Amino acid sequence: MKILGGIPIQINLFEQIFEKKAKSKDMFRYIECFFVEMSAERVPVMIIDELQVIGDMKIDGLLIYKLFNFFVRLTKELHLAHVFVVTLDW
C-alpha cells in the first residue's frame, strides 16, 4: 500500500498561486486536478487538522467558507475524495 503525505507541488507553481494577486480558485483548482488524477486508482482521503488557524484569514473573502464549499464539491458533487476536518478549538 502506497501512502502519500501532503500534496506535491513545484516551487514555482506554489509561489505563483500564493502571490498577493492570486485568487483562491487557483489553489482549489490545483488540488482538484490532483485528486482527479489520484482517484483514477483509488479514493483519496484528505485529513485536515488545526483548521482554526485560518478562521479569520481572507483570500477573496473568508477562506474558511470557501474551503468548506470546496470540501463539499470534492466529496458530494465530484465524489473524488473523503475529507475529514479535525479541530479542538471551535
C-alpha atoms as a PDB file:
ATOM      1  CA  MET A   1       0.000   0.000   0.000  1.00  0.00           C
ATOM      2  CA  LYS A   2       1.403   3.377  -1.011  1.00  0.00           C
ATOM      3  CA  ILE A   3       0.723   6.274   1.357  1.00  0.00           C
ATOM      4  CA  LEU A   4       1.210   9.866   0.270  1.00  0.00           C
ATOM      5  CA  GLY A   5       1.587  12.626   2.819  1.00  0.00           C
ATOM      6  CA  GLY A   6       0.792  16.090   1.569  1.00  0.00           C
ATOM      7  CA  ILE A   7       0.042  17.324  -1.910  1.00  0.00           C
ATOM      8  CA  PRO A   8       3.162  17.670  -4.069  1.00  0.00           C
ATOM      9  CA  ILE A   9       3.616  20.995  -5.845  1.00  0.00           C
ATOM     10  CA  GLN A  10       6.506  22.546  -7.742  1.00  0.00           C
ATOM     11  CA  ILE A  11       8.004  25.592  -6.005  1.00  0.00           C
ATOM     12  CA  ASN A  12       7.386  27.985  -8.916  1.00  0.00           C
ATOM     13  CA  LEU A  13       3.711  26.974  -9.087  1.00  0.00           C
ATOM     14  CA  PHE A  14       3.424  27.320  -5.303  1.00  0.00           C
ATOM     15  CA  GLU A  15       4.824  30.855  -5.465  1.00  0.00           C
ATOM     16  CA  GLN A  16       2.512  31.706  -8.360  1.00  0.00           C
ATOM     17  CA  ILE A  17      -0.602  30.501  -6.520  1.00  0.00           C
ATOM     18  CA  PHE A  18       0.235  32.368  -3.309  1.00  0.00           C
ATOM     19  CA  GLU A  19       1.112  35.732  -4.848  1.00  0.00           C
ATOM     20  CA  LYS A  20      -0.913  38.617  -3.465  1.00  0.00           C
ATOM     21  CA  LYS A  21      -2.896  38.916  -6.705  1.00  0.00           C
ATOM     22  CA  ALA A  22      -3.683  35.192  -6.892  1.00  0.00           C
ATOM     23  CA  LYS A  23      -7.254  34.021  -6.404  1.00  0.00           C
ATOM     24  CA  SER A  24      -8.321  31.245  -4.038  1.00  0.00           C
ATOM     25  CA  LYS A  25      -9.818  29.472  -7.085  1.00  0.00           C
ATOM     26  CA  ASP A  26      -6.272  28.788  -8.306  1.00  0.00           C
ATOM     27  CA  MET A  27      -5.256  26.696  -5.320  1.00  0.00           C
ATOM     28  CA  PHE A  28      -8.556  24.825  -5.256  1.00  0.00           C
ATOM     29  CA  ARG A  29      -8.252  24.074  -8.977  1.00  0.00           C
ATOM     30  CA  TYR A  30      -4.773  22.618  -8.442  1.00  0.00           C
ATOM     31  CA  ILE A  31      -5.938  20.370  -5.588  1.00  0.00           C
ATOM     32  CA  GLU A  32      -8.997  19.259  -7.548  1.00  0.00           C
ATOM     33  CA  CYS A  33      -6.847  18.286 -10.553  1.00  0.00           C
ATOM     34  CA  PHE A  34      -4.521  16.384  -8.225  1.00  0.00           C
ATOM     35  CA  PHE A  35      -7.439  14.404  -6.789  1.00  0.00           C
ATOM     36  CA  VAL A  36      -8.888  13.704 -10.240  1.00  0.00           C
ATOM     37  CA  GLU A  37      -5.584  12.139 -11.212  1.00  0.00           C
ATOM     38  CA  MET A  38      -5.206  10.243  -7.947  1.00  0.00           C
ATOM     39  CA  SER A  39      -8.807   8.970  -7.836  1.00  0.00           C
ATOM     40  CA  ALA A  40      -8.284   7.010 -11.046  1.00  0.00           C
ATOM     41  CA  GLU A  41      -6.536   4.375  -8.900  1.00  0.00           C
ATOM     42  CA  ARG A  42      -8.282   4.743  -5.510  1.00  0.00           C
ATOM     43  CA  VAL A  43     -10.382   7.146  -3.488  1.00  0.00           C
ATOM     44  CA  PRO A  44      -8.059   9.543  -1.657  1.00  0.00           C
ATOM     45  CA  VAL A  45      -8.656  10.593   1.947  1.00  0.00           C
ATOM     46  CA  MET A  46      -7.801  14.140   2.981  1.00  0.00           C
ATOM     47  CA  ILE A  47      -7.405  14.839   6.693  1.00  0.00           C
ATOM     48  CA  ILE A  48      -7.187  18.484   7.746  1.00  0.00           C
ATOM     49  CA  ASP A  49      -6.084  19.271  11.304  1.00  0.00           C
ATOM     50  CA  GLU A  50      -5.764  22.582  13.152  1.00  0.00           C
ATOM     51  CA  LEU A  51      -8.194  24.310  10.792  1.00  0.00           C
ATOM     52  CA  GLN A  52      -8.884  27.038  13.365  1.00  0.00           C
ATOM     53  CA  VAL A  53      -5.656  28.826  12.368  1.00  0.00           C
ATOM     54  CA  ILE A  54      -7.326  30.060   9.167  1.00  0.00           C
ATOM     55  CA  GLY A  55     -10.598  31.027  10.854  1.00  0.00           C
ATOM     56  CA  ASP A  56     -10.279  34.741  10.045  1.00  0.00           C
ATOM     57  CA  MET A  57      -7.923  34.537   7.043  1.00  0.00           C
ATOM     58  CA  LYS A  58      -9.205  36.264   3.922  1.00  0.00           C
ATOM     59  CA  ILE A  59      -8.441  35.440   0.293  1.00  0.00           C
ATOM     60  CA  ASP A  60     -11.281  36.789  -1.853  1.00  0.00           C
ATOM     61  CA  GLY A  61     -13.491  36.617   1.252  1.00  0.00           C
ATOM     62  CA  LEU A  62     -13.267  34.362   4.281  1.00  0.00           C
ATOM     63  CA  LEU A  63     -11.155  31.363   3.344  1.00  0.00           C
ATOM     64  CA  ILE A  64     -12.867  29.007   5.783  1.00  0.00           C
ATOM     65  CA  TYR A  65     -16.183  29.236   3.872  1.00  0.00           C
ATOM     66  CA  LYS A  66     -14.505  28.746   0.523  1.00  0.00           C
ATOM     67  CA  LEU A  67     -12.592  25.778   1.908  1.00  0.00           C
ATOM     68  CA  PHE A  68     -15.707  24.023   3.225  1.00  0.00           C
ATOM     69  CA  ASN A  69     -17.531  24.648  -0.061  1.00  0.00           C
ATOM     70  CA  PHE A  70     -14.544  23.086  -1.808  1.00  0.00           C
ATOM     71  CA  PHE A  71     -14.686  20.054   0.503  1.00  0.00           C
ATOM     72  CA  VAL A  72     -18.381  19.628  -0.316  1.00  0.00           C
ATOM     73  CA  ARG A  73     -17.537  19.804  -4.019  1.00  0.00           C
ATOM     74  CA  LEU A  74     -14.812  17.151  -3.664  1.00  0.00           C
ATOM     75  CA  THR A  75     -16.979  14.751  -1.672  1.00  0.00           C
ATOM     76  CA  LYS A  76     -20.633  15.204  -2.622  1.00  0.00           C
ATOM     77  CA  GLU A  77     -20.501  16.652  -6.129  1.00  0.00           C
ATOM     78  CA  LEU A  78     -17.422  15.099  -7.742  1.00  0.00           C
ATOM     79  CA  HIS A  79     -17.035  12.027  -5.470  1.00  0.00           C
ATOM     80  CA  LEU A  80     -13.252  12.391  -5.710  1.00  0.00           C
ATOM     81  CA  ALA A  81     -12.204  12.099  -2.078  1.00  0.00           C
ATOM     82  CA  HIS A  82     -13.205  11.659   1.530  1.00  0.00           C
ATOM     83  CA  VAL A  83     -12.451  14.746   3.643  1.00  0.00           C
ATOM     84  CA  PHE A  84     -12.112  14.777   7.440  1.00  0.00           C
ATOM     85  CA  VAL A  85     -11.651  18.040   9.327  1.00  0.00           C
ATOM     86  CA  VAL A  86     -10.381  17.903  12.903  1.00  0.00           C
ATOM     87  CA  THR A  87     -10.060  20.750  15.373  1.00  0.00           C
ATOM     88  CA  LEU A  88     -10.339  21.230  19.123  1.00  0.00           C
ATOM     89  CA  ASP A  89     -10.818  24.994  19.273  1.00  0.00           C
ATOM     90  CA  TRP A  90     -14.324  25.511  17.854  1.00  0.00           C
END
